[in-house]
Amino acid sequence: MIEGEWHRTRLTKIPAPGQVITMLCGATGTAVFELSDERRRREIHRQCERCDVIYRRERGIPLRQDRIGHT
């Protein structure tokens, strides 16, 4: 989470607290570990659209906007 936005990463191991990590979209943040219940009490999570597009393209998953209205 960076400023209320959930991001995706390419981690190969669990980062150490305080370690700087780079997200798929290029944003960077410091690793902090909290219980998800604690985070949810403070803010509503949003997904980073740029990370989602990169993740889906890498895996051949249709983009969200391409699936809306399709069955």
PDB file of N, CA and C in Angstrom:
ATOM      1  N   MET A   1       0.840  -1.176   0.000  1.00  0.00           N
ATOM      2  CA  MET A   1       0.000   0.000   0.000  1.00  0.00           C
ATOM      3  C   MET A   1       0.887   1.242   0.000  1.00  0.00           C
ATOM      4  N   ILE A   2       0.577   2.120  -0.898  1.00  0.00           N
ATOM      5  CA  ILE A   2       1.224   3.437  -0.912  1.00  0.00           C
ATOM      6  C   ILE A   2       0.095   4.445  -1.001  1.00  0.00           C
ATOM      7  N   GLU A   3      -0.035   5.236   0.046  1.00  0.00           N
ATOM      8  CA  GLU A   3      -1.071   6.270   0.107  1.00  0.00           C
ATOM      9  C   GLU A   3      -2.450   5.725  -0.283  1.00  0.00           C
ATOM     10  N   GLY A   4      -2.815   4.596   0.308  1.00  0.00           N
ATOM     11  CA  GLY A   4      -4.146   4.019   0.108  1.00  0.00           C
ATOM     12  C   GLY A   4      -4.330   3.236  -1.169  1.00  0.00           C
ATOM     13  N   GLU A   5      -3.257   3.070  -1.936  1.00  0.00           N
ATOM     14  CA  GLU A   5      -3.359   2.347  -3.199  1.00  0.00           C
ATOM     15  C   GLU A   5      -2.562   1.045  -3.115  1.00  0.00           C
ATOM     16  N   TRP A   6      -3.226  -0.064  -3.474  1.00  0.00           N
ATOM     17  CA  TRP A   6      -2.608  -1.369  -3.453  1.00  0.00           C
ATOM     18  C   TRP A   6      -1.853  -1.583  -4.751  1.00  0.00           C
ATOM     19  N   HIS A   7      -0.579  -1.986  -4.644  1.00  0.00           N
ATOM     20  CA  HIS A   7       0.285  -2.169  -5.811  1.00  0.00           C
ATOM     21  C   HIS A   7       0.737  -3.617  -5.909  1.00  0.00           C
ATOM     22  N   ARG A   8       1.231  -3.978  -7.084  1.00  0.00           N
ATOM     23  CA  ARG A   8       1.814  -5.299  -7.309  1.00  0.00           C
ATOM     24  C   ARG A   8       3.319  -5.135  -7.484  1.00  0.00           C
ATOM     25  N   THR A   9       4.057  -6.181  -7.070  1.00  0.00           N
ATOM     26  CA  THR A   9       5.515  -6.175  -7.179  1.00  0.00           C
ATOM     27  C   THR A   9       5.987  -7.505  -7.756  1.00  0.00           C
ATOM     28  N   ARG A  10       7.265  -7.579  -8.032  1.00  0.00           N
ATOM     29  CA  ARG A  10       7.900  -8.834  -8.459  1.00  0.00           C
ATOM     30  C   ARG A  10       8.873  -9.278  -7.377  1.00  0.00           C
ATOM     31  N   LEU A  11       8.404  -9.486  -6.197  1.00  0.00           N
ATOM     32  CA  LEU A  11       9.280  -9.881  -5.102  1.00  0.00           C
ATOM     33  C   LEU A  11       9.674 -11.345  -5.230  1.00  0.00           C
ATOM     34  N   THR A  12      10.931 -11.632  -4.936  1.00  0.00           N
ATOM     35  CA  THR A  12      11.400 -13.012  -4.921  1.00  0.00           C
ATOM     36  C   THR A  12      11.560 -13.522  -3.493  1.00  0.00           C
ATOM     37  N   LYS A  13      11.502 -12.606  -2.543  1.00  0.00           N
ATOM     38  CA  LYS A  13      11.542 -12.970  -1.124  1.00  0.00           C
ATOM     39  C   LYS A  13      10.844 -11.874  -0.328  1.00  0.00           C
ATOM     40  N   ILE A  14      10.503 -12.173   0.888  1.00  0.00           N
ATOM     41  CA  ILE A  14       9.828 -11.194   1.745  1.00  0.00           C
ATOM     42  C   ILE A  14      10.827 -10.095   2.100  1.00  0.00           C
ATOM     43  N   PRO A  15      10.461  -8.831   1.850  1.00  0.00           N
ATOM     44  CA  PRO A  15      11.397  -7.743   2.162  1.00  0.00           C
ATOM     45  C   PRO A  15      11.515  -7.524   3.668  1.00  0.00           C
ATOM     46  N   ALA A  16      12.637  -7.004   4.064  1.00  0.00           N
ATOM     47  CA  ALA A  16      12.852  -6.653   5.468  1.00  0.00           C
ATOM     48  C   ALA A  16      12.116  -5.354   5.767  1.00  0.00           C
ATOM     49  N   PRO A  17      11.604  -5.205   6.990  1.00  0.00           N
ATOM     50  CA  PRO A  17      10.968  -3.932   7.351  1.00  0.00           C
ATOM     51  C   PRO A  17      11.941  -2.775   7.095  1.00  0.00           C
ATOM     52  N   GLY A  18      11.442  -1.741   6.439  1.00  0.00           N
ATOM     53  CA  GLY A  18      12.266  -0.578   6.125  1.00  0.00           C
ATOM     54  C   GLY A  18      12.945  -0.652   4.773  1.00  0.00           C
ATOM     55  N   GLN A  19      12.933  -1.828   4.138  1.00  0.00           N
ATOM     56  CA  GLN A  19      13.549  -1.978   2.824  1.00  0.00           C
ATOM     57  C   GLN A  19      12.707  -1.258   1.776  1.00  0.00           C
ATOM     58  N   VAL A  20      13.342  -0.560   0.847  1.00  0.00           N
ATOM     59  CA  VAL A  20      12.636   0.121  -0.238  1.00  0.00           C
ATOM     60  C   VAL A  20      12.377  -0.891  -1.345  1.00  0.00           C
ATOM     61  N   ILE A  21      11.127  -0.946  -1.802  1.00  0.00           N
ATOM     62  CA  ILE A  21      10.754  -1.855  -2.877  1.00  0.00           C
ATOM     63  C   ILE A  21      10.109  -1.060  -4.012  1.00  0.00           C
ATOM     64  N   THR A  22      10.246  -1.575  -5.228  1.00  0.00           N
ATOM     65  CA  THR A  22       9.692  -0.919  -6.410  1.00  0.00           C
ATOM     66  C   THR A  22       8.509  -1.728  -6.911  1.00  0.00           C
ATOM     67  N   MET A  23       7.414  -1.038  -7.192  1.00  0.00           N
ATOM     68  CA  MET A  23       6.195  -1.675  -7.672  1.00  0.00           C
ATOM     69  C   MET A  23       6.249  -1.810  -9.187  1.00  0.00           C
ATOM     70  N   LEU A  24       5.332  -2.594  -9.765  1.00  0.00           N
ATOM     71  CA  LEU A  24       5.302  -2.783 -11.206  1.00  0.00           C
ATOM     72  C   LEU A  24       5.208  -1.452 -11.959  1.00  0.00           C
ATOM     73  N   CYS A  25       4.455  -0.507 -11.406  1.00  0.00           N
ATOM     74  CA  CYS A  25       4.246   0.783 -12.067  1.00  0.00           C
ATOM     75  C   CYS A  25       5.430   1.730 -11.916  1.00  0.00           C
ATOM     76  N   GLY A  26       6.428   1.340 -11.111  1.00  0.00           N
ATOM     77  CA  GLY A  26       7.599   2.184 -10.898  1.00  0.00           C
ATOM     78  C   GLY A  26       7.581   2.958  -9.592  1.00  0.00           C
ATOM     79  N   ALA A  27       6.436   2.984  -8.908  1.00  0.00           N
ATOM     80  CA  ALA A  27       6.374   3.655  -7.607  1.00  0.00           C
ATOM     81  C   ALA A  27       7.252   2.895  -6.611  1.00  0.00           C
ATOM     82  N   THR A  28       7.821   3.612  -5.671  1.00  0.00           N
ATOM     83  CA  THR A  28       8.630   2.969  -4.640  1.00  0.00           C
ATOM     84  C   THR A  28       8.032   3.254  -3.273  1.00  0.00           C
ATOM     85  N   GLY A  29       8.276   2.336  -2.362  1.00  0.00           N
ATOM     86  CA  GLY A  29       7.780   2.493  -1.002  1.00  0.00           C
ATOM     87  C   GLY A  29       8.632   1.686  -0.050  1.00  0.00           C
ATOM     88  N   THR A  30       8.508   1.978   1.206  1.00  0.00           N
ATOM     89  CA  THR A  30       9.247   1.290   2.252  1.00  0.00           C
ATOM     90  C   THR A  30       8.391   0.164   2.816  1.00  0.00           C
ATOM     91  N   ALA A  31       8.971  -1.010   2.941  1.00  0.00           N
ATOM     92  CA  ALA A  31       8.246  -2.167   3.459  1.00  0.00           C
ATOM     93  C   ALA A  31       7.894  -1.966   4.930  1.00  0.00           C
ATOM     94  N   VAL A  32       6.599  -2.077   5.213  1.00  0.00           N
ATOM     95  CA  VAL A  32       6.077  -1.990   6.577  1.00  0.00           C
ATOM     96  C   VAL A  32       5.066  -3.115   6.707  1.00  0.00           C
ATOM     97  N   PHE A  33       5.058  -3.788   7.834  1.00  0.00           N
ATOM     98  CA  PHE A  33       4.144  -4.901   8.013  1.00  0.00           C
ATOM     99  C   PHE A  33       3.089  -4.557   9.049  1.00  0.00           C
ATOM    100  N   GLU A  34       1.819  -4.624   8.608  1.00  0.00           N
ATOM    101  CA  GLU A  34       0.671  -4.360   9.475  1.00  0.00           C
ATOM    102  C   GLU A  34      -0.373  -5.434   9.206  1.00  0.00           C
ATOM    103  N   LEU A  35      -1.217  -5.667  10.157  1.00  0.00           N
ATOM    104  CA  LEU A  35      -2.358  -6.542   9.933  1.00  0.00           C
ATOM    105  C   LEU A  35      -3.321  -5.853   8.970  1.00  0.00           C
ATOM    106  N   SER A  36      -3.871  -6.604   8.034  1.00  0.00           N
ATOM    107  CA  SER A  36      -4.774  -5.985   7.053  1.00  0.00           C
ATOM    108  C   SER A  36      -6.002  -5.388   7.721  1.00  0.00           C
ATOM    109  N   ASP A  37      -6.464  -5.964   8.831  1.00  0.00           N
ATOM    110  CA  ASP A  37      -7.609  -5.392   9.541  1.00  0.00           C
ATOM    111  C   ASP A  37      -7.313  -3.980  10.027  1.00  0.00           C
ATOM    112  N   GLU A  38      -6.084  -3.736  10.456  1.00  0.00           N
ATOM    113  CA  GLU A  38      -5.699  -2.404  10.925  1.00  0.00           C
ATOM    114  C   GLU A  38      -5.726  -1.402   9.775  1.00  0.00           C
ATOM    115  N   ARG A  39      -5.198  -1.805   8.608  1.00  0.00           N
ATOM    116  CA  ARG A  39      -5.197  -0.905   7.451  1.00  0.00           C
ATOM    117  C   ARG A  39      -6.617  -0.585   7.013  1.00  0.00           C
ATOM    118  N   ARG A  40      -7.495  -1.591   7.021  1.00  0.00           N
ATOM    119  CA  ARG A  40      -8.872  -1.387   6.564  1.00  0.00           C
ATOM    120  C   ARG A  40      -9.645  -0.426   7.455  1.00  0.00           C
ATOM    121  N   ARG A  41      -9.274  -0.357   8.703  1.00  0.00           N
ATOM    122  CA  ARG A  41      -9.960   0.569   9.612  1.00  0.00           C
ATOM    123  C   ARG A  41      -9.634   2.022   9.284  1.00  0.00           C
ATOM    124  N   ARG A  42      -8.482   2.254   8.703  1.00  0.00           N
ATOM    125  CA  ARG A  42      -8.032   3.620   8.433  1.00  0.00           C
ATOM    126  C   ARG A  42      -8.391   4.120   7.043  1.00  0.00           C
ATOM    127  N   GLU A  43      -8.504   3.209   6.071  1.00  0.00           N
ATOM    128  CA  GLU A  43      -8.703   3.670   4.705  1.00  0.00           C
ATOM    129  C   GLU A  43      -9.360   2.598   3.840  1.00  0.00           C
ATOM    130  N   ILE A  44      -9.965   3.034   2.763  1.00  0.00           N
ATOM    131  CA  ILE A  44     -10.532   2.126   1.777  1.00  0.00           C
ATOM    132  C   ILE A  44      -9.454   1.883   0.733  1.00  0.00           C
ATOM    133  N   HIS A  45      -9.157   0.623   0.469  1.00  0.00           N
ATOM    134  CA  HIS A  45      -8.107   0.290  -0.483  1.00  0.00           C
ATOM    135  C   HIS A  45      -8.569   0.488  -1.919  1.00  0.00           C
ATOM    136  N   ARG A  46      -7.677   1.025  -2.722  1.00  0.00           N
ATOM    137  CA  ARG A  46      -7.881   1.131  -4.169  1.00  0.00           C
ATOM    138  C   ARG A  46      -6.732   0.388  -4.831  1.00  0.00           C
ATOM    139  N   GLN A  47      -6.975  -0.165  -5.987  1.00  0.00           N
ATOM    140  CA  GLN A  47      -5.915  -0.846  -6.717  1.00  0.00           C
ATOM    141  C   GLN A  47      -5.255   0.119  -7.678  1.00  0.00           C
ATOM    142  N   CYS A  48      -3.948   0.048  -7.792  1.00  0.00           N
ATOM    143  CA  CYS A  48      -3.208   0.858  -8.764  1.00  0.00           C
ATOM    144  C   CYS A  48      -3.544   0.337 -10.155  1.00  0.00           C
ATOM    145  N   GLU A  49      -4.144   1.171 -10.967  1.00  0.00           N
ATOM    146  CA  GLU A  49      -4.548   0.760 -12.311  1.00  0.00           C
ATOM    147  C   GLU A  49      -3.340   0.422 -13.181  1.00  0.00           C
ATOM    148  N   ARG A  50      -2.259   1.171 -13.048  1.00  0.00           N
ATOM    149  CA  ARG A  50      -1.061   0.902 -13.859  1.00  0.00           C
ATOM    150  C   ARG A  50      -0.469  -0.461 -13.520  1.00  0.00           C
ATOM    151  N   CYS A  51      -0.374  -0.799 -12.235  1.00  0.00           N
ATOM    152  CA  CYS A  51       0.130  -2.117 -11.832  1.00  0.00           C
ATOM    153  C   CYS A  51      -0.778  -3.219 -12.369  1.00  0.00           C
ATOM    154  N   ASP A  52      -2.089  -3.018 -12.309  1.00  0.00           N
ATOM    155  CA  ASP A  52      -3.038  -4.024 -12.769  1.00  0.00           C
ATOM    156  C   ASP A  52      -2.885  -4.277 -14.267  1.00  0.00           C
ATOM    157  N   VAL A  53      -2.735  -3.217 -15.061  1.00  0.00           N
ATOM    158  CA  VAL A  53      -2.570  -3.362 -16.510  1.00  0.00           C
ATOM    159  C   VAL A  53      -1.286  -4.138 -16.812  1.00  0.00           C
ATOM    160  N   ILE A  54      -0.191  -3.789 -16.157  1.00  0.00           N
ATOM    161  CA  ILE A  54       1.087  -4.470 -16.388  1.00  0.00           C
ATOM    162  C   ILE A  54       0.966  -5.945 -16.014  1.00  0.00           C
ATOM    163  N   TYR A  55       0.401  -6.234 -14.862  1.00  0.00           N
ATOM    164  CA  TYR A  55       0.239  -7.614 -14.387  1.00  0.00           C
ATOM    165  C   TYR A  55      -0.588  -8.428 -15.382  1.00  0.00           C
ATOM    166  N   ARG A  56      -1.717  -7.883 -15.823  1.00  0.00           N
ATOM    167  CA  ARG A  56      -2.601  -8.602 -16.746  1.00  0.00           C
ATOM    168  C   ARG A  56      -1.934  -8.820 -18.106  1.00  0.00           C
ATOM    169  N   ARG A  57      -1.257  -7.820 -18.618  1.00  0.00           N
ATOM    170  CA  ARG A  57      -0.589  -7.973 -19.924  1.00  0.00           C
ATOM    171  C   ARG A  57       0.498  -9.043 -19.865  1.00  0.00           C
ATOM    172  N   GLU A  58       1.272  -9.058 -18.789  1.00  0.00           N
ATOM    173  CA  GLU A  58       2.339 -10.054 -18.644  1.00  0.00           C
ATOM    174  C   GLU A  58       1.801 -11.481 -18.610  1.00  0.00           C
ATOM    175  N   ARG A  59       0.570 -11.651 -18.152  1.00  0.00           N
ATOM    176  CA  ARG A  59      -0.009 -12.983 -17.997  1.00  0.00           C
ATOM    177  C   ARG A  59      -1.075 -13.319 -19.034  1.00  0.00           C
ATOM    178  N   GLY A  60      -1.305 -12.419 -19.987  1.00  0.00           N
ATOM    179  CA  GLY A  60      -2.295 -12.668 -21.024  1.00  0.00           C
ATOM    180  C   GLY A  60      -3.729 -12.625 -20.527  1.00  0.00           C
ATOM    181  N   ILE A  61      -3.963 -11.919 -19.429  1.00  0.00           N
ATOM    182  CA  ILE A  61      -5.303 -11.786 -18.859  1.00  0.00           C
ATOM    183  C   ILE A  61      -5.964 -10.560 -19.485  1.00  0.00           C
ATOM    184  N   PRO A  62      -7.208 -10.681 -19.962  1.00  0.00           N
ATOM    185  CA  PRO A  62      -7.865  -9.506 -20.545  1.00  0.00           C
ATOM    186  C   PRO A  62      -7.894  -8.337 -19.557  1.00  0.00           C
ATOM    187  N   LEU A  63      -7.699  -7.145 -20.090  1.00  0.00           N
ATOM    188  CA  LEU A  63      -7.758  -5.955 -19.243  1.00  0.00           C
ATOM    189  C   LEU A  63      -9.174  -5.775 -18.729  1.00  0.00           C
ATOM    190  N   ARG A  64      -9.296  -5.177 -17.580  1.00  0.00           N
ATOM    191  CA  ARG A  64     -10.598  -5.006 -16.942  1.00  0.00           C
ATOM    192  C   ARG A  64     -11.591  -4.298 -17.851  1.00  0.00           C
ATOM    193  N   GLN A  65     -11.165  -3.221 -18.514  1.00  0.00           N
ATOM    194  CA  GLN A  65     -12.091  -2.468 -19.379  1.00  0.00           C
ATOM    195  C   GLN A  65     -12.529  -3.300 -20.581  1.00  0.00           C
ATOM    196  N   ASP A  66     -11.710  -4.276 -21.004  1.00  0.00           N
ATOM    197  CA  ASP A  66     -12.071  -5.137 -22.132  1.00  0.00           C
ATOM    198  C   ASP A  66     -13.099  -6.186 -21.734  1.00  0.00           C
ATOM    199  N   ARG A  67     -13.220  -6.480 -20.432  1.00  0.00           N
ATOM    200  CA  ARG A  67     -14.149  -7.508 -19.968  1.00  0.00           C
ATOM    201  C   ARG A  67     -15.502  -6.939 -19.568  1.00  0.00           C
ATOM    202  N   ILE A  68     -15.603  -5.643 -19.355  1.00  0.00           N
ATOM    203  CA  ILE A  68     -16.865  -5.047 -18.913  1.00  0.00           C
ATOM    204  C   ILE A  68     -17.899  -5.198 -20.009  1.00  0.00           C
ATOM    205  N   GLY A  69     -19.036  -5.758 -19.646  1.00  0.00           N
ATOM    206  CA  GLY A  69     -20.125  -5.941 -20.598  1.00  0.00           C
ATOM    207  C   GLY A  69     -20.012  -7.193 -21.441  1.00  0.00           C
ATOM    208  N   HIS A  70     -18.918  -7.944 -21.245  1.00  0.00           N
ATOM    209  CA  HIS A  70     -18.736  -9.183 -22.006  1.00  0.00           C
ATOM    210  C   HIS A  70     -19.056 -10.368 -21.102  1.00  0.00           C
ATOM    211  N   THR A  71     -19.656 -11.406 -21.659  1.00  0.00           N
ATOM    212  CA  THR A  71     -19.954 -12.603 -20.874  1.00  0.00           C
ATOM    213  C   THR A  71     -19.229 -13.795 -21.421  1.00  0.00           C
TER     214      THR A  71
END
